[in-house]
Amino acid sequence: MRIAELKRESESHVAQAAALLAQAFPHSYADCAREEVEACLEEGKIALVALDGDAVIGFVGAMPQYGLTGWELHPLVVEEARRARGVGRALCAGLERRLRQKGCLTVYLGTDDEFGKTSLADADLFEDTFGKIEHIRNVRGHPYGFYQKIGYKIVGVIPDANGLGKPDIIMAKSLARGE
């Protein structure tokens, strides 16, 4: 496996990345995966793929949100059969190296809980917000656990972002503080 920059000229890789996105998140990208991947290829953004030979097995993107010091990681997808095998970790490590070179201090992401995979689902997160975050439980394999393993911290939530009781969990990682 190798991590490479996704280039607009590589039609096959762009199409494969879009197919991965649509397969992993059909509720969000069934009709717009190609557009999402192409948006990641806009000037000033970063898009990387994990390749096994010429096959795209993972894709990650990032965009600057606070000048060049704060970047949003979005999206991250790994082929289902390759999950929990270091592909996502390698993509994030490659992304973080590039972000450091650009002067990024903090990378952040939102990881939605649309399907009741954490103890934050169906909770009133306008009450005792930080207490509920402090005691979060991963009840059905939510990806926040993956992000924690690679150094991201939960820094907040957006209650009801995806519908009543369906929060967006906001996570961040310092690239400047030696984490």
N, C-alpha and C. Protein backbone atom coordinates (compact mmCIF):
# COMPACT_ATOMS: atom_id res chain seq x y z
N MET A 1 0.85 -1.18 0.00
CA MET A 1 0.00 0.00 0.00
C MET A 1 0.89 1.24 0.00
N ARG A 2 0.46 2.22 -0.76
CA ARG A 2 1.17 3.50 -0.74
C ARG A 2 0.14 4.63 -0.70
N ILE A 3 0.55 5.76 -0.13
CA ILE A 3 -0.30 6.95 -0.05
C ILE A 3 0.18 7.92 -1.12
N ALA A 4 -0.77 8.42 -1.92
CA ALA A 4 -0.41 9.32 -3.02
C ALA A 4 -1.42 10.46 -3.10
N GLU A 5 -0.96 11.56 -3.68
CA GLU A 5 -1.86 12.68 -3.93
C GLU A 5 -2.86 12.27 -5.01
N LEU A 6 -4.12 12.59 -4.79
CA LEU A 6 -5.15 12.35 -5.80
C LEU A 6 -5.11 13.51 -6.78
N LYS A 7 -4.97 13.19 -8.04
CA LYS A 7 -4.89 14.23 -9.08
C LYS A 7 -6.10 14.15 -9.99
N ARG A 8 -6.60 15.30 -10.35
CA ARG A 8 -7.77 15.40 -11.24
C ARG A 8 -7.54 14.63 -12.54
N GLU A 9 -6.30 14.61 -13.03
CA GLU A 9 -5.99 13.95 -14.30
C GLU A 9 -6.12 12.43 -14.22
N SER A 10 -6.10 11.89 -13.01
CA SER A 10 -6.20 10.44 -12.85
C SER A 10 -7.68 10.05 -12.73
N GLU A 11 -8.34 10.00 -13.88
CA GLU A 11 -9.78 9.72 -13.94
C GLU A 11 -10.14 8.44 -13.21
N SER A 12 -9.35 7.41 -13.38
CA SER A 12 -9.64 6.13 -12.73
C SER A 12 -9.63 6.27 -11.21
N HIS A 13 -8.62 6.95 -10.67
CA HIS A 13 -8.53 7.12 -9.21
C HIS A 13 -9.66 7.99 -8.68
N VAL A 14 -10.01 9.05 -9.41
CA VAL A 14 -11.12 9.91 -9.00
C VAL A 14 -12.42 9.10 -8.97
N ALA A 15 -12.66 8.33 -10.01
CA ALA A 15 -13.88 7.51 -10.08
C ALA A 15 -13.91 6.47 -8.97
N GLN A 16 -12.77 5.85 -8.69
CA GLN A 16 -12.71 4.85 -7.63
C GLN A 16 -12.94 5.48 -6.25
N ALA A 17 -12.37 6.66 -6.02
CA ALA A 17 -12.59 7.35 -4.75
C ALA A 17 -14.06 7.70 -4.58
N ALA A 18 -14.69 8.16 -5.65
CA ALA A 18 -16.12 8.48 -5.59
C ALA A 18 -16.95 7.23 -5.32
N ALA A 19 -16.60 6.12 -5.94
CA ALA A 19 -17.33 4.87 -5.71
C ALA A 19 -17.20 4.43 -4.25
N LEU A 20 -16.00 4.56 -3.68
CA LEU A 20 -15.81 4.21 -2.27
C LEU A 20 -16.70 5.07 -1.37
N LEU A 21 -16.73 6.36 -1.65
CA LEU A 21 -17.53 7.29 -0.86
C LEU A 21 -19.01 6.94 -0.93
N ALA A 22 -19.50 6.66 -2.12
CA ALA A 22 -20.91 6.31 -2.30
C ALA A 22 -21.26 4.99 -1.62
N GLN A 23 -20.34 4.03 -1.66
CA GLN A 23 -20.60 2.74 -1.02
C GLN A 23 -20.61 2.86 0.50
N ALA A 24 -19.69 3.63 1.05
CA ALA A 24 -19.57 3.75 2.50
C ALA A 24 -20.65 4.63 3.11
N PHE A 25 -21.08 5.65 2.37
CA PHE A 25 -22.04 6.63 2.88
C PHE A 25 -23.18 6.85 1.89
N PRO A 26 -23.96 5.81 1.59
CA PRO A 26 -25.02 5.97 0.57
C PRO A 26 -26.07 6.99 0.97
N HIS A 27 -26.31 7.15 2.27
CA HIS A 27 -27.29 8.11 2.75
C HIS A 27 -26.86 9.56 2.50
N SER A 28 -25.56 9.78 2.35
CA SER A 28 -25.05 11.13 2.13
C SER A 28 -24.57 11.38 0.70
N TYR A 29 -24.01 10.36 0.07
CA TYR A 29 -23.32 10.59 -1.20
C TYR A 29 -23.80 9.73 -2.37
N ALA A 30 -24.93 9.09 -2.27
CA ALA A 30 -25.39 8.22 -3.36
C ALA A 30 -25.45 8.96 -4.69
N ASP A 31 -25.87 10.21 -4.66
CA ASP A 31 -26.05 10.97 -5.90
C ASP A 31 -25.00 12.05 -6.13
N CYS A 32 -24.07 12.21 -5.18
CA CYS A 32 -23.14 13.34 -5.33
C CYS A 32 -21.71 13.00 -4.94
N ALA A 33 -21.35 11.73 -4.93
CA ALA A 33 -20.00 11.33 -4.52
C ALA A 33 -18.94 11.93 -5.44
N ARG A 34 -19.18 11.91 -6.72
CA ARG A 34 -18.21 12.45 -7.68
C ARG A 34 -17.97 13.94 -7.41
N GLU A 35 -19.05 14.68 -7.18
CA GLU A 35 -18.92 16.11 -6.90
C GLU A 35 -18.14 16.35 -5.60
N GLU A 36 -18.36 15.50 -4.60
CA GLU A 36 -17.64 15.64 -3.33
C GLU A 36 -16.14 15.42 -3.54
N VAL A 37 -15.79 14.40 -4.28
CA VAL A 37 -14.37 14.14 -4.56
C VAL A 37 -13.77 15.29 -5.36
N GLU A 38 -14.48 15.76 -6.37
CA GLU A 38 -13.96 16.87 -7.18
C GLU A 38 -13.80 18.14 -6.35
N ALA A 39 -14.68 18.36 -5.38
CA ALA A 39 -14.54 19.52 -4.50
C ALA A 39 -13.24 19.43 -3.70
N CYS A 40 -12.83 18.22 -3.35
CA CYS A 40 -11.58 18.03 -2.61
C CYS A 40 -10.35 18.32 -3.47
N LEU A 41 -10.54 18.38 -4.78
CA LEU A 41 -9.43 18.62 -5.70
C LEU A 41 -9.25 20.09 -6.04
N GLU A 42 -10.09 20.95 -5.47
CA GLU A 42 -9.98 22.38 -5.74
C GLU A 42 -8.66 22.92 -5.20
N GLU A 43 -8.20 24.00 -5.82
CA GLU A 43 -6.94 24.60 -5.42
C GLU A 43 -6.94 24.95 -3.94
N GLY A 44 -5.82 24.66 -3.28
CA GLY A 44 -5.67 24.97 -1.87
C GLY A 44 -6.10 23.86 -0.94
N LYS A 45 -6.75 22.83 -1.47
CA LYS A 45 -7.19 21.70 -0.65
C LYS A 45 -6.22 20.54 -0.83
N ILE A 46 -6.38 19.53 0.01
CA ILE A 46 -5.53 18.33 -0.07
C ILE A 46 -6.43 17.12 -0.26
N ALA A 47 -6.04 16.24 -1.18
CA ALA A 47 -6.75 14.98 -1.40
C ALA A 47 -5.72 13.88 -1.59
N LEU A 48 -5.84 12.83 -0.79
CA LEU A 48 -4.90 11.71 -0.85
C LEU A 48 -5.67 10.41 -1.04
N VAL A 49 -5.03 9.45 -1.68
CA VAL A 49 -5.60 8.12 -1.81
C VAL A 49 -4.60 7.10 -1.28
N ALA A 50 -5.14 6.00 -0.78
CA ALA A 50 -4.34 4.82 -0.45
C ALA A 50 -4.50 3.88 -1.63
N LEU A 51 -3.38 3.43 -2.17
CA LEU A 51 -3.39 2.58 -3.36
C LEU A 51 -2.80 1.22 -3.06
N ASP A 52 -3.46 0.19 -3.56
CA ASP A 52 -2.93 -1.16 -3.59
C ASP A 52 -2.78 -1.48 -5.07
N GLY A 53 -1.56 -1.36 -5.58
CA GLY A 53 -1.37 -1.39 -7.02
C GLY A 53 -1.99 -0.13 -7.60
N ASP A 54 -2.96 -0.31 -8.49
CA ASP A 54 -3.67 0.84 -9.06
C ASP A 54 -5.08 0.97 -8.48
N ALA A 55 -5.39 0.17 -7.49
CA ALA A 55 -6.73 0.19 -6.89
C ALA A 55 -6.77 1.15 -5.70
N VAL A 56 -7.74 2.05 -5.70
CA VAL A 56 -7.95 2.97 -4.59
C VAL A 56 -8.66 2.20 -3.48
N ILE A 57 -8.00 2.11 -2.32
CA ILE A 57 -8.60 1.41 -1.18
C ILE A 57 -8.95 2.37 -0.04
N GLY A 58 -8.62 3.65 -0.21
CA GLY A 58 -8.96 4.66 0.78
C GLY A 58 -8.78 6.05 0.21
N PHE A 59 -9.45 7.00 0.83
CA PHE A 59 -9.43 8.39 0.35
C PHE A 59 -9.63 9.32 1.53
N VAL A 60 -8.86 10.41 1.56
CA VAL A 60 -9.03 11.44 2.59
C VAL A 60 -8.86 12.80 1.94
N GLY A 61 -9.61 13.77 2.45
CA GLY A 61 -9.50 15.14 1.98
C GLY A 61 -9.40 16.10 3.16
N ALA A 62 -8.91 17.30 2.88
CA ALA A 62 -8.85 18.34 3.90
C ALA A 62 -8.91 19.70 3.23
N MET A 63 -9.50 20.66 3.95
CA MET A 63 -9.63 22.02 3.43
C MET A 63 -9.31 23.02 4.53
N PRO A 64 -8.63 24.12 4.16
CA PRO A 64 -8.34 25.14 5.16
C PRO A 64 -9.62 25.87 5.55
N GLN A 65 -9.75 26.15 6.85
CA GLN A 65 -10.94 26.83 7.34
C GLN A 65 -10.61 28.10 8.13
N TYR A 66 -9.40 28.17 8.66
CA TYR A 66 -8.98 29.32 9.47
C TYR A 66 -7.63 29.78 8.94
N GLY A 67 -7.64 30.40 7.77
CA GLY A 67 -6.37 30.68 7.12
C GLY A 67 -5.72 29.35 6.83
N LEU A 68 -4.46 29.21 7.19
CA LEU A 68 -3.78 27.92 7.02
C LEU A 68 -3.51 27.24 8.35
N THR A 69 -3.98 27.82 9.46
CA THR A 69 -3.67 27.24 10.76
C THR A 69 -4.69 26.20 11.23
N GLY A 70 -5.90 26.24 10.71
CA GLY A 70 -6.92 25.26 11.08
C GLY A 70 -7.51 24.63 9.83
N TRP A 71 -7.45 23.31 9.74
CA TRP A 71 -7.95 22.58 8.57
C TRP A 71 -9.01 21.58 9.00
N GLU A 72 -10.00 21.39 8.14
CA GLU A 72 -11.02 20.37 8.38
C GLU A 72 -10.68 19.12 7.59
N LEU A 73 -10.61 17.99 8.29
CA LEU A 73 -10.45 16.69 7.65
C LEU A 73 -11.84 16.26 7.17
N HIS A 74 -11.99 16.11 5.87
CA HIS A 74 -13.28 15.69 5.31
C HIS A 74 -13.12 15.41 3.83
N PRO A 75 -13.53 14.26 3.39
CA PRO A 75 -13.99 13.08 4.12
C PRO A 75 -12.84 12.10 4.33
N LEU A 76 -13.11 11.04 5.06
CA LEU A 76 -12.20 9.89 5.17
C LEU A 76 -13.03 8.65 4.90
N VAL A 77 -12.56 7.83 3.99
CA VAL A 77 -13.26 6.58 3.67
C VAL A 77 -12.22 5.51 3.35
N VAL A 78 -12.48 4.30 3.83
CA VAL A 78 -11.63 3.15 3.55
C VAL A 78 -12.53 2.02 3.07
N GLU A 79 -12.07 1.31 2.05
CA GLU A 79 -12.80 0.15 1.55
C GLU A 79 -13.15 -0.78 2.71
N GLU A 80 -14.38 -1.22 2.75
CA GLU A 80 -14.86 -1.99 3.91
C GLU A 80 -13.96 -3.18 4.24
N ALA A 81 -13.52 -3.92 3.26
CA ALA A 81 -12.69 -5.11 3.50
C ALA A 81 -11.30 -4.76 4.03
N ARG A 82 -10.90 -3.49 3.94
CA ARG A 82 -9.55 -3.07 4.36
C ARG A 82 -9.57 -2.31 5.69
N ARG A 83 -10.74 -2.15 6.29
CA ARG A 83 -10.81 -1.40 7.55
C ARG A 83 -10.13 -2.18 8.67
N ALA A 84 -9.62 -1.41 9.64
CA ALA A 84 -8.91 -1.96 10.80
C ALA A 84 -7.61 -2.66 10.39
N ARG A 85 -7.02 -2.21 9.29
CA ARG A 85 -5.76 -2.78 8.81
C ARG A 85 -4.70 -1.71 8.56
N GLY A 86 -4.90 -0.51 9.11
CA GLY A 86 -3.90 0.54 9.01
C GLY A 86 -4.05 1.49 7.84
N VAL A 87 -5.06 1.30 7.00
CA VAL A 87 -5.23 2.17 5.84
C VAL A 87 -5.63 3.57 6.28
N GLY A 88 -6.64 3.67 7.13
CA GLY A 88 -7.09 4.98 7.62
C GLY A 88 -5.99 5.69 8.40
N ARG A 89 -5.27 4.94 9.21
CA ARG A 89 -4.16 5.51 9.98
C ARG A 89 -3.09 6.07 9.03
N ALA A 90 -2.76 5.32 7.98
CA ALA A 90 -1.75 5.77 7.02
C ALA A 90 -2.22 7.01 6.25
N LEU A 91 -3.49 7.02 5.86
CA LEU A 91 -4.03 8.20 5.17
C LEU A 91 -3.95 9.43 6.07
N CYS A 92 -4.36 9.28 7.32
CA CYS A 92 -4.34 10.42 8.25
C CYS A 92 -2.91 10.87 8.53
N ALA A 93 -1.98 9.94 8.67
CA ALA A 93 -0.58 10.31 8.89
C ALA A 93 -0.03 11.08 7.69
N GLY A 94 -0.34 10.62 6.48
CA GLY A 94 0.10 11.33 5.28
C GLY A 94 -0.50 12.72 5.19
N LEU A 95 -1.77 12.81 5.53
CA LEU A 95 -2.45 14.10 5.53
C LEU A 95 -1.82 15.04 6.55
N GLU A 96 -1.60 14.54 7.76
CA GLU A 96 -1.05 15.38 8.82
C GLU A 96 0.35 15.87 8.48
N ARG A 97 1.16 15.05 7.82
CA ARG A 97 2.50 15.50 7.38
C ARG A 97 2.37 16.69 6.44
N ARG A 98 1.47 16.57 5.48
CA ARG A 98 1.28 17.66 4.52
C ARG A 98 0.73 18.91 5.20
N LEU A 99 -0.17 18.72 6.15
CA LEU A 99 -0.74 19.86 6.86
C LEU A 99 0.32 20.59 7.67
N ARG A 100 1.19 19.86 8.33
CA ARG A 100 2.28 20.49 9.08
C ARG A 100 3.15 21.34 8.15
N GLN A 101 3.44 20.82 6.97
CA GLN A 101 4.26 21.56 6.00
C GLN A 101 3.59 22.86 5.58
N LYS A 102 2.28 22.92 5.63
CA LYS A 102 1.53 24.13 5.25
C LYS A 102 1.33 25.07 6.43
N GLY A 103 1.81 24.69 7.62
CA GLY A 103 1.68 25.55 8.79
C GLY A 103 0.44 25.30 9.61
N CYS A 104 -0.22 24.18 9.39
CA CYS A 104 -1.42 23.86 10.16
C CYS A 104 -1.07 23.61 11.62
N LEU A 105 -1.84 24.22 12.52
CA LEU A 105 -1.68 24.00 13.95
C LEU A 105 -2.70 23.00 14.48
N THR A 106 -3.91 23.04 13.93
CA THR A 106 -5.00 22.18 14.39
C THR A 106 -5.77 21.61 13.21
N VAL A 107 -6.00 20.30 13.26
CA VAL A 107 -6.88 19.66 12.28
C VAL A 107 -8.11 19.18 13.05
N TYR A 108 -9.28 19.41 12.46
CA TYR A 108 -10.51 19.01 13.14
C TYR A 108 -11.44 18.30 12.17
N LEU A 109 -12.44 17.66 12.72
CA LEU A 109 -13.41 16.93 11.91
C LEU A 109 -14.72 16.82 12.67
N GLY A 110 -15.76 16.55 11.92
CA GLY A 110 -17.05 16.21 12.50
C GLY A 110 -17.35 14.77 12.15
N THR A 111 -17.73 13.99 13.14
CA THR A 111 -18.08 12.59 12.90
C THR A 111 -19.50 12.37 13.40
N ASP A 112 -20.41 12.30 12.46
CA ASP A 112 -21.85 12.26 12.76
C ASP A 112 -22.26 10.99 13.48
N ASP A 113 -23.24 11.13 14.35
CA ASP A 113 -23.89 9.95 14.94
C ASP A 113 -25.33 9.94 14.47
N GLU A 114 -25.52 9.51 13.24
CA GLU A 114 -26.85 9.47 12.64
C GLU A 114 -27.59 8.17 12.92
N PHE A 115 -26.87 7.16 13.43
CA PHE A 115 -27.47 5.83 13.54
C PHE A 115 -27.39 5.25 14.95
N GLY A 116 -27.32 6.11 15.96
CA GLY A 116 -27.36 5.65 17.35
C GLY A 116 -26.18 4.80 17.77
N LYS A 117 -24.98 5.16 17.33
CA LYS A 117 -23.80 4.36 17.64
C LYS A 117 -23.06 4.81 18.89
N THR A 118 -23.49 5.94 19.50
CA THR A 118 -22.86 6.40 20.73
C THR A 118 -23.93 6.71 21.76
N SER A 119 -23.48 6.91 22.99
CA SER A 119 -24.40 7.28 24.06
C SER A 119 -24.92 8.71 23.90
N LEU A 120 -24.37 9.47 22.96
CA LEU A 120 -24.85 10.83 22.73
C LEU A 120 -26.11 10.85 21.86
N ALA A 121 -26.36 9.77 21.14
CA ALA A 121 -27.55 9.70 20.29
C ALA A 121 -28.80 9.77 21.15
N ASP A 122 -29.78 10.48 20.67
CA ASP A 122 -31.08 10.63 21.33
C ASP A 122 -31.00 11.32 22.68
N ALA A 123 -29.84 11.89 23.02
CA ALA A 123 -29.69 12.62 24.28
C ALA A 123 -29.96 14.11 24.03
N ASP A 124 -30.44 14.79 25.07
CA ASP A 124 -30.59 16.24 24.99
C ASP A 124 -29.22 16.85 25.27
N LEU A 125 -28.51 17.19 24.24
CA LEU A 125 -27.14 17.69 24.39
C LEU A 125 -27.07 19.18 24.68
N PHE A 126 -28.23 19.79 24.88
CA PHE A 126 -28.25 21.18 25.34
C PHE A 126 -28.23 21.22 26.87
N GLU A 127 -28.36 20.08 27.52
CA GLU A 127 -28.29 19.95 28.98
C GLU A 127 -27.06 19.14 29.34
N ASP A 128 -26.25 19.63 30.26
CA ASP A 128 -25.05 18.93 30.73
C ASP A 128 -24.19 18.43 29.56
N THR A 129 -23.99 19.29 28.60
CA THR A 129 -23.29 18.92 27.37
C THR A 129 -21.94 18.26 27.65
N PHE A 130 -21.10 18.93 28.42
CA PHE A 130 -19.75 18.42 28.62
C PHE A 130 -19.72 17.20 29.52
N GLY A 131 -20.67 17.08 30.43
CA GLY A 131 -20.79 15.86 31.22
C GLY A 131 -21.10 14.66 30.34
N LYS A 132 -21.99 14.86 29.39
CA LYS A 132 -22.34 13.77 28.47
C LYS A 132 -21.17 13.43 27.56
N ILE A 133 -20.44 14.44 27.12
CA ILE A 133 -19.25 14.17 26.30
C ILE A 133 -18.21 13.40 27.12
N GLU A 134 -18.00 13.82 28.36
CA GLU A 134 -17.01 13.17 29.22
C GLU A 134 -17.31 11.69 29.41
N HIS A 135 -18.58 11.34 29.44
CA HIS A 135 -18.98 9.95 29.70
C HIS A 135 -19.47 9.23 28.45
N ILE A 136 -19.07 9.70 27.28
CA ILE A 136 -19.50 9.09 26.03
C ILE A 136 -19.12 7.60 26.00
N ARG A 137 -20.01 6.81 25.44
CA ARG A 137 -19.75 5.38 25.24
C ARG A 137 -19.96 5.05 23.76
N ASN A 138 -19.10 4.22 23.27
CA ASN A 138 -19.20 3.75 21.89
C ASN A 138 -20.00 2.45 21.93
N VAL A 139 -21.28 2.52 21.59
CA VAL A 139 -22.16 1.36 21.76
C VAL A 139 -22.29 0.49 20.52
N ARG A 140 -21.91 1.02 19.35
CA ARG A 140 -22.08 0.23 18.13
C ARG A 140 -21.02 0.54 17.07
N GLY A 141 -19.77 0.62 17.48
CA GLY A 141 -18.69 0.78 16.50
C GLY A 141 -18.62 2.11 15.80
N HIS A 142 -18.87 3.19 16.52
CA HIS A 142 -18.78 4.53 15.92
C HIS A 142 -17.31 4.87 15.65
N PRO A 143 -17.03 5.57 14.55
CA PRO A 143 -15.63 5.87 14.20
C PRO A 143 -14.90 6.82 15.14
N TYR A 144 -15.59 7.46 16.09
CA TYR A 144 -14.84 8.35 16.99
C TYR A 144 -13.74 7.57 17.71
N GLY A 145 -13.96 6.27 17.94
CA GLY A 145 -12.94 5.44 18.59
C GLY A 145 -11.66 5.35 17.77
N PHE A 146 -11.80 5.23 16.47
CA PHE A 146 -10.63 5.22 15.58
C PHE A 146 -9.86 6.53 15.71
N TYR A 147 -10.59 7.63 15.64
CA TYR A 147 -9.92 8.94 15.69
C TYR A 147 -9.21 9.14 17.03
N GLN A 148 -9.81 8.66 18.13
CA GLN A 148 -9.14 8.77 19.42
C GLN A 148 -7.82 8.01 19.42
N LYS A 149 -7.80 6.84 18.80
CA LYS A 149 -6.58 6.03 18.76
C LYS A 149 -5.45 6.73 18.03
N ILE A 150 -5.77 7.63 17.11
CA ILE A 150 -4.71 8.32 16.38
C ILE A 150 -4.51 9.76 16.87
N GLY A 151 -5.01 10.05 18.08
CA GLY A 151 -4.68 11.31 18.73
C GLY A 151 -5.71 12.41 18.73
N TYR A 152 -6.88 12.17 18.16
CA TYR A 152 -7.92 13.20 18.14
C TYR A 152 -8.68 13.18 19.47
N LYS A 153 -9.11 14.35 19.88
CA LYS A 153 -9.89 14.52 21.12
C LYS A 153 -11.26 15.07 20.77
N ILE A 154 -12.26 14.64 21.53
CA ILE A 154 -13.59 15.24 21.37
C ILE A 154 -13.54 16.61 22.01
N VAL A 155 -13.87 17.64 21.23
CA VAL A 155 -13.82 19.01 21.73
C VAL A 155 -15.20 19.66 21.77
N GLY A 156 -16.21 18.94 21.31
CA GLY A 156 -17.56 19.49 21.35
C GLY A 156 -18.52 18.64 20.54
N VAL A 157 -19.75 19.10 20.51
CA VAL A 157 -20.79 18.46 19.70
C VAL A 157 -21.67 19.55 19.11
N ILE A 158 -22.33 19.21 18.02
CA ILE A 158 -23.40 20.04 17.49
C ILE A 158 -24.67 19.22 17.68
N PRO A 159 -25.45 19.56 18.71
CA PRO A 159 -26.66 18.79 18.98
C PRO A 159 -27.63 18.84 17.80
N ASP A 160 -28.26 17.71 17.53
CA ASP A 160 -29.34 17.62 16.53
C ASP A 160 -28.89 18.06 15.13
N ALA A 161 -27.61 18.03 14.84
CA ALA A 161 -27.10 18.50 13.54
C ALA A 161 -27.67 17.72 12.37
N ASN A 162 -27.95 16.45 12.59
CA ASN A 162 -28.43 15.58 11.52
C ASN A 162 -29.87 15.14 11.74
N GLY A 163 -30.58 15.87 12.60
CA GLY A 163 -31.95 15.52 12.97
C GLY A 163 -32.03 15.38 14.48
N LEU A 164 -33.21 15.34 15.00
CA LEU A 164 -33.41 15.25 16.45
C LEU A 164 -32.70 14.03 17.02
N GLY A 165 -31.80 14.27 17.98
CA GLY A 165 -31.06 13.19 18.62
C GLY A 165 -29.92 12.63 17.79
N LYS A 166 -29.53 13.35 16.74
CA LYS A 166 -28.46 12.88 15.85
C LYS A 166 -27.35 13.94 15.78
N PRO A 167 -26.43 13.90 16.75
CA PRO A 167 -25.41 14.95 16.83
C PRO A 167 -24.25 14.75 15.87
N ASP A 168 -23.51 15.81 15.68
CA ASP A 168 -22.21 15.75 15.03
C ASP A 168 -21.19 15.89 16.16
N ILE A 169 -20.29 14.94 16.25
CA ILE A 169 -19.26 14.94 17.29
C ILE A 169 -18.03 15.62 16.69
N ILE A 170 -17.59 16.70 17.33
CA ILE A 170 -16.47 17.48 16.82
C ILE A 170 -15.19 17.03 17.52
N MET A 171 -14.19 16.68 16.72
CA MET A 171 -12.92 16.20 17.24
C MET A 171 -11.80 17.05 16.64
N ALA A 172 -10.70 17.16 17.36
CA ALA A 172 -9.56 17.94 16.88
C ALA A 172 -8.26 17.31 17.37
N LYS A 173 -7.20 17.64 16.65
CA LYS A 173 -5.86 17.17 17.01
C LYS A 173 -4.89 18.32 16.80
N SER A 174 -4.04 18.52 17.78
CA SER A 174 -2.99 19.53 17.65
C SER A 174 -1.84 18.96 16.84
N LEU A 175 -1.43 19.71 15.83
CA LEU A 175 -0.23 19.34 15.08
C LEU A 175 0.95 20.18 15.53
N ALA A 176 0.71 21.08 16.48
CA ALA A 176 1.76 22.00 16.93
C ALA A 176 2.24 21.70 18.34
N ARG A 177 1.49 20.93 19.09
CA ARG A 177 1.81 20.72 20.50
C ARG A 177 2.46 19.36 20.77
N GLY A 178 2.98 18.73 19.73
CA GLY A 178 3.72 17.48 19.92
C GLY A 178 2.86 16.27 20.18
N GLU A 179 1.60 16.34 19.80
CA GLU A 179 0.72 15.17 20.03
C GLU A 179 0.79 14.22 18.87
